[in-house]
N, C-alpha and C. Protein backbone atom coordinates (compact mmCIF):
# COMPACT_ATOMS: atom_id res chain seq x y z
N MET A 1 7.88 -25.05 10.80
CA MET A 1 7.38 -26.35 11.21
C MET A 1 6.22 -26.74 10.30
N THR A 2 6.22 -27.96 9.87
CA THR A 2 5.15 -28.49 9.04
C THR A 2 4.28 -29.40 9.87
N VAL A 3 2.97 -29.24 9.75
CA VAL A 3 2.03 -30.10 10.46
C VAL A 3 1.15 -30.80 9.44
N SER A 4 0.70 -31.97 9.78
CA SER A 4 -0.12 -32.75 8.87
C SER A 4 -1.60 -32.34 8.97
N ALA A 5 -2.35 -32.67 7.94
CA ALA A 5 -3.80 -32.43 7.95
C ALA A 5 -4.43 -33.22 9.09
N GLN A 6 -3.93 -34.40 9.36
CA GLN A 6 -4.45 -35.24 10.45
C GLN A 6 -4.28 -34.52 11.80
N PHE A 7 -3.12 -33.95 12.02
CA PHE A 7 -2.85 -33.22 13.26
C PHE A 7 -3.81 -32.04 13.40
N LEU A 8 -4.00 -31.28 12.32
CA LEU A 8 -4.89 -30.13 12.35
C LEU A 8 -6.33 -30.55 12.67
N CYS A 9 -6.76 -31.66 12.10
CA CYS A 9 -8.12 -32.15 12.37
C CYS A 9 -8.27 -32.56 13.83
N ARG A 10 -7.26 -33.23 14.37
CA ARG A 10 -7.33 -33.61 15.78
C ARG A 10 -7.36 -32.39 16.67
N MET A 11 -6.55 -31.38 16.33
CA MET A 11 -6.53 -30.17 17.12
C MET A 11 -7.89 -29.47 17.08
N ALA A 12 -8.49 -29.40 15.90
CA ALA A 12 -9.82 -28.80 15.76
C ALA A 12 -10.85 -29.58 16.57
N GLY A 13 -10.76 -30.90 16.52
CA GLY A 13 -11.67 -31.74 17.30
C GLY A 13 -11.51 -31.52 18.79
N ASP A 14 -10.27 -31.41 19.25
CA ASP A 14 -10.01 -31.15 20.67
C ASP A 14 -10.57 -29.80 21.09
N LEU A 15 -10.38 -28.80 20.25
CA LEU A 15 -10.88 -27.46 20.55
C LEU A 15 -12.41 -27.48 20.62
N ALA A 16 -13.04 -28.16 19.67
CA ALA A 16 -14.51 -28.26 19.65
C ALA A 16 -15.02 -29.01 20.87
N GLU A 17 -14.34 -30.07 21.23
CA GLU A 17 -14.76 -30.86 22.39
C GLU A 17 -14.62 -30.06 23.69
N GLU A 18 -13.53 -29.34 23.80
CA GLU A 18 -13.26 -28.61 25.04
C GLU A 18 -14.13 -27.36 25.20
N HIS A 19 -14.40 -26.67 24.08
CA HIS A 19 -15.07 -25.37 24.17
C HIS A 19 -16.47 -25.35 23.55
N GLY A 20 -16.90 -26.43 22.98
CA GLY A 20 -18.25 -26.51 22.43
C GLY A 20 -18.50 -25.45 21.38
N GLU A 21 -19.67 -24.81 21.47
CA GLU A 21 -20.08 -23.81 20.49
C GLU A 21 -19.14 -22.62 20.42
N LEU A 22 -18.41 -22.35 21.48
CA LEU A 22 -17.48 -21.20 21.49
C LEU A 22 -16.21 -21.46 20.70
N ALA A 23 -15.95 -22.70 20.33
CA ALA A 23 -14.68 -23.06 19.68
C ALA A 23 -14.46 -22.28 18.38
N VAL A 24 -15.48 -22.16 17.55
CA VAL A 24 -15.32 -21.42 16.29
C VAL A 24 -15.01 -19.96 16.58
N ASP A 25 -15.71 -19.38 17.55
CA ASP A 25 -15.45 -17.98 17.90
C ASP A 25 -14.03 -17.79 18.42
N ILE A 26 -13.56 -18.72 19.22
CA ILE A 26 -12.19 -18.64 19.75
C ILE A 26 -11.18 -18.65 18.60
N ALA A 27 -11.37 -19.58 17.67
CA ALA A 27 -10.44 -19.69 16.53
C ALA A 27 -10.52 -18.44 15.64
N ARG A 28 -11.72 -17.94 15.41
CA ARG A 28 -11.87 -16.74 14.57
C ARG A 28 -11.27 -15.51 15.23
N ARG A 29 -11.42 -15.42 16.54
CA ARG A 29 -10.81 -14.30 17.28
C ARG A 29 -9.29 -14.37 17.19
N ALA A 30 -8.75 -15.57 17.35
CA ALA A 30 -7.30 -15.75 17.23
C ALA A 30 -6.83 -15.37 15.82
N PHE A 31 -7.62 -15.75 14.80
CA PHE A 31 -7.29 -15.38 13.42
C PHE A 31 -7.25 -13.86 13.27
N ARG A 32 -8.31 -13.18 13.75
CA ARG A 32 -8.36 -11.72 13.62
C ARG A 32 -7.22 -11.04 14.35
N ASP A 33 -6.93 -11.51 15.55
CA ASP A 33 -5.84 -10.91 16.34
C ASP A 33 -4.50 -11.05 15.62
N ARG A 34 -4.22 -12.25 15.12
CA ARG A 34 -2.95 -12.47 14.41
C ARG A 34 -2.90 -11.68 13.12
N ASN A 35 -4.05 -11.55 12.45
CA ASN A 35 -4.11 -10.81 11.19
C ASN A 35 -3.83 -9.33 11.43
N VAL A 36 -4.42 -8.77 12.48
CA VAL A 36 -4.20 -7.35 12.82
C VAL A 36 -2.74 -7.11 13.18
N GLU A 37 -2.13 -8.09 13.84
CA GLU A 37 -0.72 -7.97 14.23
C GLU A 37 0.22 -8.14 13.04
N GLY A 38 -0.33 -8.57 11.89
CA GLY A 38 0.51 -8.79 10.71
C GLY A 38 1.22 -10.12 10.71
N ASP A 39 0.81 -11.01 11.58
CA ASP A 39 1.42 -12.34 11.67
C ASP A 39 0.66 -13.29 10.73
N ASP A 40 0.97 -13.17 9.45
CA ASP A 40 0.22 -13.89 8.41
C ASP A 40 0.24 -15.40 8.59
N ARG A 41 1.38 -15.93 8.96
CA ARG A 41 1.49 -17.39 9.10
C ARG A 41 0.57 -17.92 10.19
N ARG A 42 0.58 -17.28 11.33
CA ARG A 42 -0.30 -17.72 12.43
C ARG A 42 -1.76 -17.40 12.14
N ALA A 43 -2.02 -16.29 11.46
CA ALA A 43 -3.40 -15.96 11.08
C ALA A 43 -3.95 -17.05 10.16
N GLU A 44 -3.16 -17.48 9.21
CA GLU A 44 -3.58 -18.54 8.29
C GLU A 44 -3.87 -19.83 9.04
N PHE A 45 -3.02 -20.16 10.01
CA PHE A 45 -3.21 -21.36 10.82
C PHE A 45 -4.55 -21.30 11.54
N TRP A 46 -4.85 -20.18 12.21
CA TRP A 46 -6.09 -20.06 12.96
C TRP A 46 -7.32 -20.01 12.07
N TYR A 47 -7.18 -19.45 10.87
CA TYR A 47 -8.29 -19.47 9.92
C TYR A 47 -8.61 -20.92 9.55
N LEU A 48 -7.59 -21.69 9.25
CA LEU A 48 -7.79 -23.11 8.91
C LEU A 48 -8.42 -23.87 10.08
N ILE A 49 -7.96 -23.62 11.29
CA ILE A 49 -8.55 -24.28 12.46
C ILE A 49 -10.02 -23.90 12.59
N SER A 50 -10.36 -22.63 12.35
CA SER A 50 -11.77 -22.22 12.45
C SER A 50 -12.64 -22.95 11.44
N VAL A 51 -12.13 -23.15 10.24
CA VAL A 51 -12.88 -23.89 9.22
C VAL A 51 -13.06 -25.34 9.63
N LEU A 52 -12.00 -25.95 10.14
CA LEU A 52 -12.08 -27.35 10.55
C LEU A 52 -12.99 -27.54 11.76
N VAL A 53 -12.95 -26.62 12.72
CA VAL A 53 -13.85 -26.71 13.87
C VAL A 53 -15.30 -26.63 13.39
N ASP A 54 -15.55 -25.72 12.47
CA ASP A 54 -16.90 -25.60 11.91
C ASP A 54 -17.31 -26.91 11.22
N ASP A 55 -16.40 -27.52 10.49
CA ASP A 55 -16.70 -28.80 9.83
C ASP A 55 -16.97 -29.91 10.84
N VAL A 56 -16.23 -29.91 11.94
CA VAL A 56 -16.46 -30.91 13.00
C VAL A 56 -17.85 -30.72 13.59
N GLN A 57 -18.20 -29.48 13.89
CA GLN A 57 -19.46 -29.21 14.55
C GLN A 57 -20.67 -29.32 13.62
N ARG A 58 -20.56 -28.78 12.45
CA ARG A 58 -21.71 -28.74 11.54
C ARG A 58 -21.90 -30.00 10.72
N TYR A 59 -20.79 -30.54 10.22
CA TYR A 59 -20.88 -31.62 9.25
C TYR A 59 -20.39 -32.95 9.76
N GLY A 60 -19.99 -32.98 11.01
CA GLY A 60 -19.59 -34.25 11.61
C GLY A 60 -18.25 -34.78 11.13
N LEU A 61 -17.33 -33.89 10.74
CA LEU A 61 -15.98 -34.32 10.36
C LEU A 61 -15.39 -35.12 11.50
N ASP A 62 -14.90 -36.30 11.20
CA ASP A 62 -14.26 -37.14 12.20
C ASP A 62 -12.83 -36.64 12.40
N PRO A 63 -12.54 -36.03 13.56
CA PRO A 63 -11.20 -35.49 13.80
C PRO A 63 -10.10 -36.54 13.73
N GLU A 64 -10.44 -37.77 14.03
CA GLU A 64 -9.44 -38.83 13.97
C GLU A 64 -9.23 -39.34 12.55
N GLY A 65 -10.21 -39.13 11.71
CA GLY A 65 -10.13 -39.62 10.33
C GLY A 65 -9.46 -38.65 9.38
N GLY A 66 -9.46 -37.39 9.73
CA GLY A 66 -8.84 -36.39 8.87
C GLY A 66 -9.78 -35.98 7.76
N PRO A 67 -9.37 -34.94 7.01
CA PRO A 67 -10.22 -34.43 5.94
C PRO A 67 -10.23 -35.37 4.74
N VAL A 68 -11.33 -35.35 4.03
CA VAL A 68 -11.46 -36.14 2.79
C VAL A 68 -11.87 -35.18 1.70
N LEU A 69 -11.14 -35.18 0.61
CA LEU A 69 -11.45 -34.31 -0.52
C LEU A 69 -12.22 -35.12 -1.55
N HIS A 70 -13.27 -34.50 -2.06
CA HIS A 70 -14.08 -35.14 -3.10
C HIS A 70 -13.96 -34.36 -4.38
């Protein structure tokens, strides 16, 4: 399944909104768990979500606007 960058940003925004400061920890824990299990595809997904949640919380990434590359 292919997901868009926009979808990932919205998901990260929802996670940050629902779980606040714990959102990054939740995503990182999911990444570590999937990585230990050898589920590389899901581990990569959760790593990306953890980065986006951090961007939402720290840098004010607009989850509805999606990522912008400079």
